PDB file of N, CA and C in Angstrom:
ATOM      1  N   MET A   1      18.603  96.330 -42.729  1.00  0.00           N
ATOM      2  CA  MET A   1      16.973  96.614 -42.479  1.00  0.00           C
ATOM      3  C   MET A   1      16.063  95.765 -43.329  1.00  0.00           C
ATOM      4  N   ASN A   2      15.039  95.118 -42.424  1.00  0.00           N
ATOM      5  CA  ASN A   2      13.971  94.008 -42.507  1.00  0.00           C
ATOM      6  C   ASN A   2      12.833  94.614 -42.484  1.00  0.00           C
ATOM      7  N   ILE A   3      11.745  94.586 -43.724  1.00  0.00           N
ATOM      8  CA  ILE A   3      10.686  95.208 -43.666  1.00  0.00           C
ATOM      9  C   ILE A   3       9.571  93.632 -44.203  1.00  0.00           C
ATOM     10  N   THR A   4       8.560  93.863 -43.242  1.00  0.00           N
ATOM     11  CA  THR A   4       7.713  92.565 -43.465  1.00  0.00           C
ATOM     12  C   THR A   4       6.386  93.542 -43.648  1.00  0.00           C
ATOM     13  N   ILE A   5       5.839  92.879 -44.903  1.00  0.00           N
ATOM     14  CA  ILE A   5       4.499  93.571 -45.399  1.00  0.00           C
ATOM     15  C   ILE A   5       3.322  92.551 -45.022  1.00  0.00           C
ATOM     16  N   THR A   6       2.411  92.804 -44.180  1.00  0.00           N
ATOM     17  CA  THR A   6       1.481  91.638 -43.988  1.00  0.00           C
ATOM     18  C   THR A   6      -0.050  92.201 -44.598  1.00  0.00           C
ATOM     19  N   GLY A   7      -0.639  91.313 -44.432  1.00  0.00           N
ATOM     20  CA  GLY A   7      -2.424  91.560 -44.760  1.00  0.00           C
ATOM     21  C   GLY A   7      -2.588  90.309 -45.564  1.00  0.00           C
ATOM     22  N   PRO A   8      -4.505  90.484 -45.912  1.00  0.00           N
ATOM     23  CA  PRO A   8      -4.725  89.124 -46.513  1.00  0.00           C
ATOM     24  C   PRO A   8      -4.483  88.870 -47.646  1.00  0.00           C
ATOM     25  N   ARG A   9      -4.872  87.805 -48.631  1.00  0.00           N
ATOM     26  CA  ARG A   9      -4.655  87.484 -49.752  1.00  0.00           C
ATOM     27  C   ARG A   9      -5.232  88.431 -50.765  1.00  0.00           C
ATOM     28  N   SER A  10      -4.532  88.933 -51.577  1.00  0.00           N
ATOM     29  CA  SER A  10      -5.026  89.675 -52.845  1.00  0.00           C
ATOM     30  C   SER A  10      -5.476  91.468 -52.756  1.00  0.00           C
ATOM     31  N   VAL A  11      -4.210  91.810 -51.803  1.00  0.00           N
ATOM     32  CA  VAL A  11      -4.572  93.391 -51.952  1.00  0.00           C
ATOM     33  C   VAL A  11      -3.736  94.132 -52.289  1.00  0.00           C
ATOM     34  N   GLY A  12      -2.628  93.500 -52.687  1.00  0.00           N
ATOM     35  CA  GLY A  12      -1.443  93.993 -53.411  1.00  0.00           C
ATOM     36  C   GLY A  12      -0.202  94.142 -52.746  1.00  0.00           C
ATOM     37  N   LYS A  13      -0.133  93.091 -51.316  1.00  0.00           N
ATOM     38  CA  LYS A  13       1.051  92.856 -50.875  1.00  0.00           C
ATOM     39  C   LYS A  13       2.150  92.777 -51.940  1.00  0.00           C
ATOM     40  N   THR A  14       1.982  91.971 -52.911  1.00  0.00           N
ATOM     41  CA  THR A  14       3.223  91.868 -53.575  1.00  0.00           C
ATOM     42  C   THR A  14       3.622  92.799 -54.252  1.00  0.00           C
ATOM     43  N   SER A  15       2.934  93.497 -54.630  1.00  0.00           N
ATOM     44  CA  SER A  15       3.108  94.858 -55.663  1.00  0.00           C
ATOM     45  C   SER A  15       3.633  95.799 -54.745  1.00  0.00           C
ATOM     46  N   VAL A  16       3.328  96.352 -53.679  1.00  0.00           N
ATOM     47  CA  VAL A  16       3.784  96.810 -52.765  1.00  0.00           C
ATOM     48  C   VAL A  16       5.426  96.386 -52.436  1.00  0.00           C
ATOM     49  N   SER A  17       5.451  95.139 -52.093  1.00  0.00           N
ATOM     50  CA  SER A  17       6.668  94.935 -51.846  1.00  0.00           C
ATOM     51  C   SER A  17       7.837  94.740 -52.366  1.00  0.00           C
ATOM     52  N   LYS A  18       7.552  94.330 -53.443  1.00  0.00           N
ATOM     53  CA  LYS A  18       8.090  94.519 -54.908  1.00  0.00           C
ATOM     54  C   LYS A  18       8.645  96.043 -55.466  1.00  0.00           C
ATOM     55  N   LEU A  19       8.100  96.673 -55.259  1.00  0.00           N
ATOM     56  CA  LEU A  19       8.188  98.156 -55.183  1.00  0.00           C
ATOM     57  C   LEU A  19       8.779  99.058 -54.482  1.00  0.00           C
ATOM     58  N   LEU A  20       8.762  98.536 -53.082  1.00  0.00           N
ATOM     59  CA  LEU A  20       9.635  98.891 -51.817  1.00  0.00           C
ATOM     60  C   LEU A  20      11.029  98.434 -51.989  1.00  0.00           C
ATOM     61  N   ALA A  21      10.843  97.122 -52.233  1.00  0.00           N
ATOM     62  CA  ALA A  21      12.435  96.355 -52.108  1.00  0.00           C
ATOM     63  C   ALA A  21      13.194  96.590 -53.435  1.00  0.00           C
ATOM     64  N   LYS A  22      12.530  97.347 -54.395  1.00  0.00           N
ATOM     65  CA  LYS A  22      13.614  97.806 -55.453  1.00  0.00           C
ATOM     66  C   LYS A  22      14.078  99.084 -55.300  1.00  0.00           C
ATOM     67  N   LYS A  23      12.875  99.985 -54.754  1.00  0.00           N
ATOM     68  CA  LYS A  23      13.195 101.449 -54.678  1.00  0.00           C
ATOM     69  C   LYS A  23      14.157 101.852 -53.170  1.00  0.00           C
ATOM     70  N   LEU A  24      14.124 100.894 -52.459  1.00  0.00           N
ATOM     71  CA  LEU A  24      15.193 100.881 -51.386  1.00  0.00           C
ATOM     72  C   LEU A  24      16.718 100.022 -51.620  1.00  0.00           C
ATOM     73  N   LYS A  25      16.422  99.316 -52.806  1.00  0.00           N
ATOM     74  CA  LYS A  25      17.438  98.376 -52.950  1.00  0.00           C
ATOM     75  C   LYS A  25      17.622  97.221 -52.094  1.00  0.00           C
ATOM     76  N   LEU A  26      16.549  96.434 -51.269  1.00  0.00           N
ATOM     77  CA  LEU A  26      16.422  95.335 -50.993  1.00  0.00           C
ATOM     78  C   LEU A  26      16.019  94.488 -51.267  1.00  0.00           C
ATOM     79  N   LYS A  27      16.576  92.959 -51.217  1.00  0.00           N
ATOM     80  CA  LYS A  27      15.912  91.547 -51.665  1.00  0.00           C
ATOM     81  C   LYS A  27      14.612  91.544 -51.370  1.00  0.00           C
ATOM     82  N   TYR A  28      13.683  91.072 -51.906  1.00  0.00           N
ATOM     83  CA  TYR A  28      12.586  90.774 -52.077  1.00  0.00           C
ATOM     84  C   TYR A  28      12.354  88.997 -51.523  1.00  0.00           C
ATOM     85  N   ILE A  29      11.308  88.695 -50.886  1.00  0.00           N
ATOM     86  CA  ILE A  29      11.014  87.438 -50.389  1.00  0.00           C
ATOM     87  C   ILE A  29       9.485  87.525 -50.237  1.00  0.00           C
ATOM     88  N   SER A  30       8.753  86.202 -51.040  1.00  0.00           N
ATOM     89  CA  SER A  30       7.444  86.289 -50.764  1.00  0.00           C
ATOM     90  C   SER A  30       7.518  84.897 -49.829  1.00  0.00           C
ATOM     91  N   SER A  31       6.531  85.047 -48.624  1.00  0.00           N
ATOM     92  CA  SER A  31       6.061  83.488 -48.345  1.00  0.00           C
ATOM     93  C   SER A  31       5.408  82.294 -49.049  1.00  0.00           C
ATOM     94  N   ASP A  32       5.048  83.050 -49.937  1.00  0.00           N
ATOM     95  CA  ASP A  32       4.740  81.939 -51.362  1.00  0.00           C
ATOM     96  C   ASP A  32       5.788  81.341 -51.588  1.00  0.00           C
ATOM     97  N   ASP A  33       6.705  82.056 -52.142  1.00  0.00           N
ATOM     98  CA  ASP A  33       7.933  81.285 -52.763  1.00  0.00           C
ATOM     99  C   ASP A  33       7.809  80.361 -52.050  1.00  0.00           C
ATOM    100  N   ILE A  34       8.461  80.762 -50.467  1.00  0.00           N
ATOM    101  CA  ILE A  34       9.292  79.858 -49.330  1.00  0.00           C
ATOM    102  C   ILE A  34       7.985  78.498 -49.367  1.00  0.00           C
ATOM    103  N   GLY A  35       6.840  79.019 -49.257  1.00  0.00           N
ATOM    104  CA  GLY A  35       6.013  77.327 -49.390  1.00  0.00           C
ATOM    105  C   GLY A  35       5.839  76.560 -50.401  1.00  0.00           C
ATOM    106  N   GLU A  36       6.149  77.198 -51.622  1.00  0.00           N
ATOM    107  CA  GLU A  36       6.232  76.661 -53.039  1.00  0.00           C
ATOM    108  C   GLU A  36       7.393  75.564 -52.933  1.00  0.00           C
ATOM    109  N   ARG A  37       8.198  75.985 -52.406  1.00  0.00           N
ATOM    110  CA  ARG A  37       9.696  75.326 -52.433  1.00  0.00           C
ATOM    111  C   ARG A  37       9.685  73.977 -51.658  1.00  0.00           C
ATOM    112  N   ALA A  38       8.878  74.442 -50.480  1.00  0.00           N
ATOM    113  CA  ALA A  38       8.689  73.613 -49.096  1.00  0.00           C
ATOM    114  C   ALA A  38       7.878  72.595 -49.499  1.00  0.00           C
ATOM    115  N   LEU A  39       6.767  73.131 -50.664  1.00  0.00           N
ATOM    116  CA  LEU A  39       5.937  71.894 -50.875  1.00  0.00           C
ATOM    117  C   LEU A  39       5.934  71.312 -52.100  1.00  0.00           C
ATOM    118  N   LYS A  40       6.948  71.413 -52.285  1.00  0.00           N
ATOM    119  CA  LYS A  40       7.497  70.536 -54.289  1.00  0.00           C
ATOM    120  C   LYS A  40       6.804  68.922 -54.117  1.00  0.00           C
ATOM    121  N   LYS A  41       7.173  68.703 -53.229  1.00  0.00           N
ATOM    122  CA  LYS A  41       7.094  67.254 -53.352  1.00  0.00           C
ATOM    123  C   LYS A  41       5.270  66.740 -53.149  1.00  0.00           C
ATOM    124  N   GLN A  42       4.733  68.179 -52.442  1.00  0.00           N
ATOM    125  CA  GLN A  42       3.207  67.738 -52.522  1.00  0.00           C
ATOM    126  C   GLN A  42       2.390  68.174 -53.856  1.00  0.00           C
ATOM    127  N   GLY A  43       2.791  68.871 -54.502  1.00  0.00           N
ATOM    128  CA  GLY A  43       2.610  69.287 -55.932  1.00  0.00           C
ATOM    129  C   GLY A  43       2.666  70.755 -56.094  1.00  0.00           C
ATOM    130  N   GLY A  44       3.048  71.255 -54.999  1.00  0.00           N
ATOM    131  CA  GLY A  44       3.351  73.030 -55.081  1.00  0.00           C
ATOM    132  C   GLY A  44       2.004  73.438 -53.761  1.00  0.00           C
ATOM    133  N   LEU A  45       2.288  74.675 -53.684  1.00  0.00           N
ATOM    134  CA  LEU A  45       1.225  75.372 -52.833  1.00  0.00           C
ATOM    135  C   LEU A  45       0.197  75.693 -52.955  1.00  0.00           C
ATOM    136  N   ASP A  46      -0.324  76.134 -54.184  1.00  0.00           N
ATOM    137  CA  ASP A  46      -1.833  75.871 -55.087  1.00  0.00           C
ATOM    138  C   ASP A  46      -2.440  74.493 -54.627  1.00  0.00           C
ATOM    139  N   LYS A  47      -1.493  73.355 -54.813  1.00  0.00           N
ATOM    140  CA  LYS A  47      -2.399  71.919 -54.544  1.00  0.00           C
ATOM    141  C   LYS A  47      -2.449  71.823 -53.389  1.00  0.00           C
ATOM    142  N   ALA A  48      -1.383  72.122 -52.509  1.00  0.00           N
ATOM    143  CA  ALA A  48      -1.577  71.987 -51.080  1.00  0.00           C
ATOM    144  C   ALA A  48      -2.867  72.951 -50.577  1.00  0.00           C
ATOM    145  N   ILE A  49      -3.201  74.185 -51.138  1.00  0.00           N
ATOM    146  CA  ILE A  49      -3.963  74.949 -50.776  1.00  0.00           C
ATOM    147  C   ILE A  49      -5.255  74.309 -50.837  1.00  0.00           C
ATOM    148  N   LYS A  50      -5.632  73.544 -52.161  1.00  0.00           N
ATOM    149  CA  LYS A  50      -6.905  73.218 -52.703  1.00  0.00           C
ATOM    150  C   LYS A  50      -7.109  71.971 -52.060  1.00  0.00           C
ATOM    151  N   SER A  51      -6.184  71.024 -51.606  1.00  0.00           N
ATOM    152  CA  SER A  51      -6.346  69.589 -50.977  1.00  0.00           C
ATOM    153  C   SER A  51      -6.508  69.834 -49.399  1.00  0.00           C
ATOM    154  N   GLY A  52      -6.164  71.085 -49.019  1.00  0.00           N
ATOM    155  CA  GLY A  52      -6.449  71.344 -47.575  1.00  0.00           C
ATOM    156  C   GLY A  52      -5.509  71.020 -46.623  1.00  0.00           C
ATOM    157  N   ILE A  53      -4.254  70.244 -47.091  1.00  0.00           N
ATOM    158  CA  ILE A  53      -3.284  69.808 -46.352  1.00  0.00           C
ATOM    159  C   ILE A  53      -2.199  71.084 -45.909  1.00  0.00           C
ATOM    160  N   ILE A  54      -2.511  72.142 -46.678  1.00  0.00           N
ATOM    161  CA  ILE A  54      -1.935  73.639 -46.167  1.00  0.00           C
ATOM    162  C   ILE A  54      -2.177  73.487 -44.603  1.00  0.00           C
ATOM    163  N   LYS A  55      -3.334  73.499 -44.082  1.00  0.00           N
ATOM    164  CA  LYS A  55      -3.396  74.314 -42.815  1.00  0.00           C
ATOM    165  C   LYS A  55      -2.048  73.353 -41.976  1.00  0.00           C
ATOM    166  N   GLU A  56      -2.344  72.014 -42.003  1.00  0.00           N
ATOM    167  CA  GLU A  56      -1.376  71.034 -41.046  1.00  0.00           C
ATOM    168  C   GLU A  56       0.353  71.372 -41.434  1.00  0.00           C
ATOM    169  N   PHE A  57       0.663  71.903 -42.609  1.00  0.00           N
ATOM    170  CA  PHE A  57       1.790  72.126 -42.868  1.00  0.00           C
ATOM    171  C   PHE A  57       2.113  73.697 -42.102  1.00  0.00           C
ATOM    172  N   ILE A  58       1.326  74.450 -42.290  1.00  0.00           N
ATOM    173  CA  ILE A  58       1.776  75.264 -42.046  1.00  0.00           C
ATOM    174  C   ILE A  58       1.810  75.456 -40.235  1.00  0.00           C
ATOM    175  N   LYS A  59       0.675  74.536 -39.702  1.00  0.00           N
ATOM    176  CA  LYS A  59       1.212  74.415 -38.096  1.00  0.00           C
ATOM    177  C   LYS A  59       2.384  73.451 -38.089  1.00  0.00           C
ATOM    178  N   LYS A  60       2.899  72.849 -38.579  1.00  0.00           N
ATOM    179  CA  LYS A  60       4.061  72.114 -38.110  1.00  0.00           C
ATOM    180  C   LYS A  60       5.630  72.749 -38.795  1.00  0.00           C
ATOM    181  N   ASN A  61       5.273  73.516 -40.057  1.00  0.00           N
ATOM    182  CA  ASN A  61       6.299  73.782 -40.434  1.00  0.00           C
ATOM    183  C   ASN A  61       6.483  75.257 -40.383  1.00  0.00           C
ATOM    184  N   GLY A  62       5.145  75.734 -41.042  1.00  0.00           N
ATOM    185  CA  GLY A  62       5.165  77.246 -41.693  1.00  0.00           C
ATOM    186  C   GLY A  62       6.133  78.559 -40.518  1.00  0.00           C
ATOM    187  N   TYR A  63       5.885  78.151 -39.621  1.00  0.00           N
ATOM    188  CA  TYR A  63       6.394  79.185 -38.543  1.00  0.00           C
ATOM    189  C   TYR A  63       7.756  79.126 -38.841  1.00  0.00           C
ATOM    190  N   ASN A  64       8.512  78.176 -38.295  1.00  0.00           N
ATOM    191  CA  ASN A  64       9.818  77.910 -38.765  1.00  0.00           C
ATOM    192  C   ASN A  64      10.242  78.379 -39.803  1.00  0.00           C
ATOM    193  N   LEU A  65      10.336  78.155 -41.238  1.00  0.00           N
ATOM    194  CA  LEU A  65      10.389  78.594 -42.312  1.00  0.00           C
ATOM    195  C   LEU A  65      10.920  79.914 -42.226  1.00  0.00           C
ATOM    196  N   ILE A  66       9.581  80.639 -42.044  1.00  0.00           N
ATOM    197  CA  ILE A  66       9.450  81.839 -42.266  1.00  0.00           C
ATOM    198  C   ILE A  66      10.317  82.791 -41.237  1.00  0.00           C
ATOM    199  N   THR A  67      10.370  82.580 -39.703  1.00  0.00           N
ATOM    200  CA  THR A  67      11.282  83.143 -38.972  1.00  0.00           C
ATOM    201  C   THR A  67      12.819  82.589 -39.134  1.00  0.00           C
ATOM    202  N   ASP A  68      12.924  81.559 -40.001  1.00  0.00           N
ATOM    203  CA  ASP A  68      14.355  81.506 -40.179  1.00  0.00           C
ATOM    204  C   ASP A  68      15.090  82.347 -41.337  1.00  0.00           C
ATOM    205  N   VAL A  69      13.940  82.367 -42.090  1.00  0.00           N
ATOM    206  CA  VAL A  69      14.562  83.382 -43.243  1.00  0.00           C
ATOM    207  C   VAL A  69      14.831  84.886 -42.940  1.00  0.00           C
ATOM    208  N   TYR A  70      13.956  84.760 -41.846  1.00  0.00           N
ATOM    209  CA  TYR A  70      14.020  86.411 -41.503  1.00  0.00           C
ATOM    210  C   TYR A  70      15.126  86.519 -40.456  1.00  0.00           C
ATOM    211  N   ARG A  71      15.433  85.335 -39.867  1.00  0.00           N
ATOM    212  CA  ARG A  71      17.025  85.902 -38.923  1.00  0.00           C
ATOM    213  C   ARG A  71      18.114  85.387 -39.894  1.00  0.00           C
ATOM    214  N   LYS A  72      18.151  84.688 -40.673  1.00  0.00           N
ATOM    215  CA  LYS A  72      19.284  84.473 -41.499  1.00  0.00           C
ATOM    216  C   LYS A  72      19.455  86.053 -42.718  1.00  0.00           C
ATOM    217  N   GLU A  73      18.405  86.271 -43.347  1.00  0.00           N
ATOM    218  CA  GLU A  73      18.242  87.446 -44.578  1.00  0.00           C
ATOM    219  C   GLU A  73      18.698  88.671 -43.693  1.00  0.00           C
ATOM    220  N   LYS A  74      19.577  89.721 -44.479  1.00  0.00           N
ATOM    221  CA  LYS A  74      19.522  91.001 -43.793  1.00  0.00           C
ATOM    222  C   LYS A  74      19.246  91.666 -45.467  1.00  0.00           C
ATOM    223  N   ASN A  75      18.475  92.968 -44.982  1.00  0.00           N
ATOM    224  CA  ASN A  75      18.186  93.764 -45.966  1.00  0.00           C
ATOM    225  C   ASN A  75      17.070  93.113 -46.980  1.00  0.00           C
ATOM    226  N   LEU A  76      15.814  92.795 -46.531  1.00  0.00           N
ATOM    227  CA  LEU A  76      14.746  92.410 -47.376  1.00  0.00           C
ATOM    228  C   LEU A  76      13.663  93.032 -47.043  1.00  0.00           C
ATOM    229  N   VAL A  77      12.687  92.909 -48.106  1.00  0.00           N
ATOM    230  CA  VAL A  77      11.286  93.139 -47.766  1.00  0.00           C
ATOM    231  C   VAL A  77      10.352  91.578 -47.975  1.00  0.00           C
ATOM    232  N   ILE A  78       9.798  91.416 -47.308  1.00  0.00           N
ATOM    233  CA  ILE A  78       9.492  89.812 -46.982  1.00  0.00           C
ATOM    234  C   ILE A  78       7.658  90.179 -46.925  1.00  0.00           C
ATOM    235  N   ASN A  79       6.826  89.566 -47.773  1.00  0.00           N
ATOM    236  CA  ASN A  79       5.441  89.482 -48.306  1.00  0.00           C
ATOM    237  C   ASN A  79       4.971  88.562 -47.445  1.00  0.00           C
ATOM    238  N   LEU A  80       3.698  88.572 -46.335  1.00  0.00           N
ATOM    239  CA  LEU A  80       3.543  87.506 -45.486  1.00  0.00           C
ATOM    240  C   LEU A  80       2.146  87.959 -45.113  1.00  0.00           C
ATOM    241  N   PRO A  81       1.393  86.880 -45.893  1.00  0.00           N
ATOM    242  CA  PRO A  81      -0.094  86.621 -45.751  1.00  0.00           C
ATOM    243  C   PRO A  81      -0.425  86.771 -44.391  1.00  0.00           C
ATOM    244  N   SER A  82      -1.763  87.422 -43.617  1.00  0.00           N
ATOM    245  CA  SER A  82      -1.881  87.330 -42.409  1.00  0.00           C
ATOM    246  C   SER A  82      -3.396  86.726 -42.007  1.00  0.00           C
ATOM    247  N   TYR A  83      -3.668  85.850 -43.277  1.00  0.00           N
ATOM    248  CA  TYR A  83      -4.924  85.232 -42.963  1.00  0.00           C
ATOM    249  C   TYR A  83      -5.165  84.031 -41.899  1.00  0.00           C
ATOM    250  N   THR A  84      -3.893  83.468 -41.252  1.00  0.00           N
ATOM    251  CA  THR A  84      -4.195  82.730 -39.889  1.00  0.00           C
ATOM    252  C   THR A  84      -3.804  83.025 -39.254  1.00  0.00           C
ATOM    253  N   GLN A  85      -3.943  81.936 -37.969  1.00  0.00           N
ATOM    254  CA  GLN A  85      -3.442  82.512 -36.794  1.00  0.00           C
ATOM    255  C   GLN A  85      -1.783  82.320 -36.547  1.00  0.00           C
ATOM    256  N   VAL A  86      -1.297  81.021 -37.272  1.00  0.00           N
ATOM    257  CA  VAL A  86       0.104  80.817 -37.690  1.00  0.00           C
ATOM    258  C   VAL A  86       0.705  81.774 -38.177  1.00  0.00           C
ATOM    259  N   GLU A  87       0.209  82.651 -39.071  1.00  0.00           N
ATOM    260  CA  GLU A  87       0.738  83.884 -39.659  1.00  0.00           C
ATOM    261  C   GLU A  87       0.826  85.357 -38.576  1.00  0.00           C
ATOM    262  N   LYS A  88      -0.213  84.962 -37.536  1.00  0.00           N
ATOM    263  CA  LYS A  88      -0.195  86.290 -37.066  1.00  0.00           C
ATOM    264  C   LYS A  88       1.148  85.958 -35.875  1.00  0.00           C
ATOM    265  N   ASP A  89       0.782  84.746 -35.407  1.00  0.00           N
ATOM    266  CA  ASP A  89       2.104  84.627 -34.414  1.00  0.00           C
ATOM    267  C   ASP A  89       3.510  84.545 -35.295  1.00  0.00           C
ATOM    268  N   ILE A  90       3.655  84.547 -36.343  1.00  0.00           N
ATOM    269  CA  ILE A  90       4.898  84.761 -37.064  1.00  0.00           C
ATOM    270  C   ILE A  90       5.027  86.163 -37.153  1.00  0.00           C
ATOM    271  N   SER A  91       4.130  87.144 -37.616  1.00  0.00           N
ATOM    272  CA  SER A  91       4.147  88.306 -37.315  1.00  0.00           C
ATOM    273  C   SER A  91       4.936  89.008 -35.786  1.00  0.00           C
ATOM    274  N   LYS A  92       4.105  88.267 -35.042  1.00  0.00           N
ATOM    275  CA  LYS A  92       4.892  88.691 -33.539  1.00  0.00           C
ATOM    276  C   LYS A  92       6.117  88.409 -33.280  1.00  0.00           C
ATOM    277  N   GLU A  93       6.200  87.290 -33.797  1.00  0.00           N
ATOM    278  CA  GLU A  93       7.914  86.595 -33.808  1.00  0.00           C
ATOM    279  C   GLU A  93       8.894  87.648 -34.290  1.00  0.00           C
ATOM    280  N   ILE A  94       8.544  88.162 -35.546  1.00  0.00           N
ATOM    281  CA  ILE A  94       9.427  88.765 -36.701  1.00  0.00           C
ATOM    282  C   ILE A  94       9.229  89.804 -35.526  1.00  0.00           C
ATOM    283  N   LYS A  95       8.532  90.559 -35.242  1.00  0.00           N
ATOM    284  CA  LYS A  95       8.576  91.834 -34.260  1.00  0.00           C
ATOM    285  C   LYS A  95       9.548  91.794 -33.201  1.00  0.00           C
ATOM    286  N   LYS A  96       9.355  90.961 -32.600  1.00  0.00           N
ATOM    287  CA  LYS A  96      10.824  90.456 -31.172  1.00  0.00           C
ATOM    288  C   LYS A  96      12.226  90.789 -31.946  1.00  0.00           C
ATOM    289  N   ILE A  97      12.311  89.699 -33.233  1.00  0.00           N
ATOM    290  CA  ILE A  97      13.251  89.664 -34.042  1.00  0.00           C
ATOM    291  C   ILE A  97      13.887  91.105 -34.244  1.00  0.00           C
ATOM    292  N   ARG A  98      13.164  91.811 -34.682  1.00  0.00           N
ATOM    293  CA  ARG A  98      13.289  93.227 -34.928  1.00  0.00           C
ATOM    294  C   ARG A  98      13.689  93.819 -34.120  1.00  0.00           C
ATOM    295  N   GLU A  99      12.832  93.902 -33.131  1.00  0.00           N
ATOM    296  CA  GLU A  99      13.158  94.805 -31.748  1.00  0.00           C
ATOM    297  C   GLU A  99      14.844  94.609 -31.368  1.00  0.00           C
ATOM    298  N   LYS A 100      15.115  93.105 -31.232  1.00  0.00           N
ATOM    299  CA  LYS A 100      16.790  92.655 -30.860  1.00  0.00           C
ATOM    300  C   LYS A 100      17.623  93.270 -31.732  1.00  0.00           C
ATOM    301  N   SER A 101      17.334  93.533 -33.115  1.00  0.00           N
ATOM    302  CA  SER A 101      18.328  94.038 -34.062  1.00  0.00           C
ATOM    303  C   SER A 101      18.626  95.443 -33.727  1.00  0.00           C
TER     304      SER A 101
END
């Protein structure tokens, strides 16, 4: 079972996702953690956001990074911000993946 928690930044997605994962004994994954690892060479996620390179990075790589994790991982709760069109597209793709499972 995979569960996706979406919503804007700073509304409690991380808290809810971690509690849900613990309660259901599922793995917790944050899209921010995925982004942090992927943007290590650029100084990390915060620096990428502040410099503005995050938008281009998300357009080129974000979609695949998230959907790849969702396809490979089983039994997880993923925390996914929904503040751009790319994240909305990812959410639609994840829904399709879930429907096939």
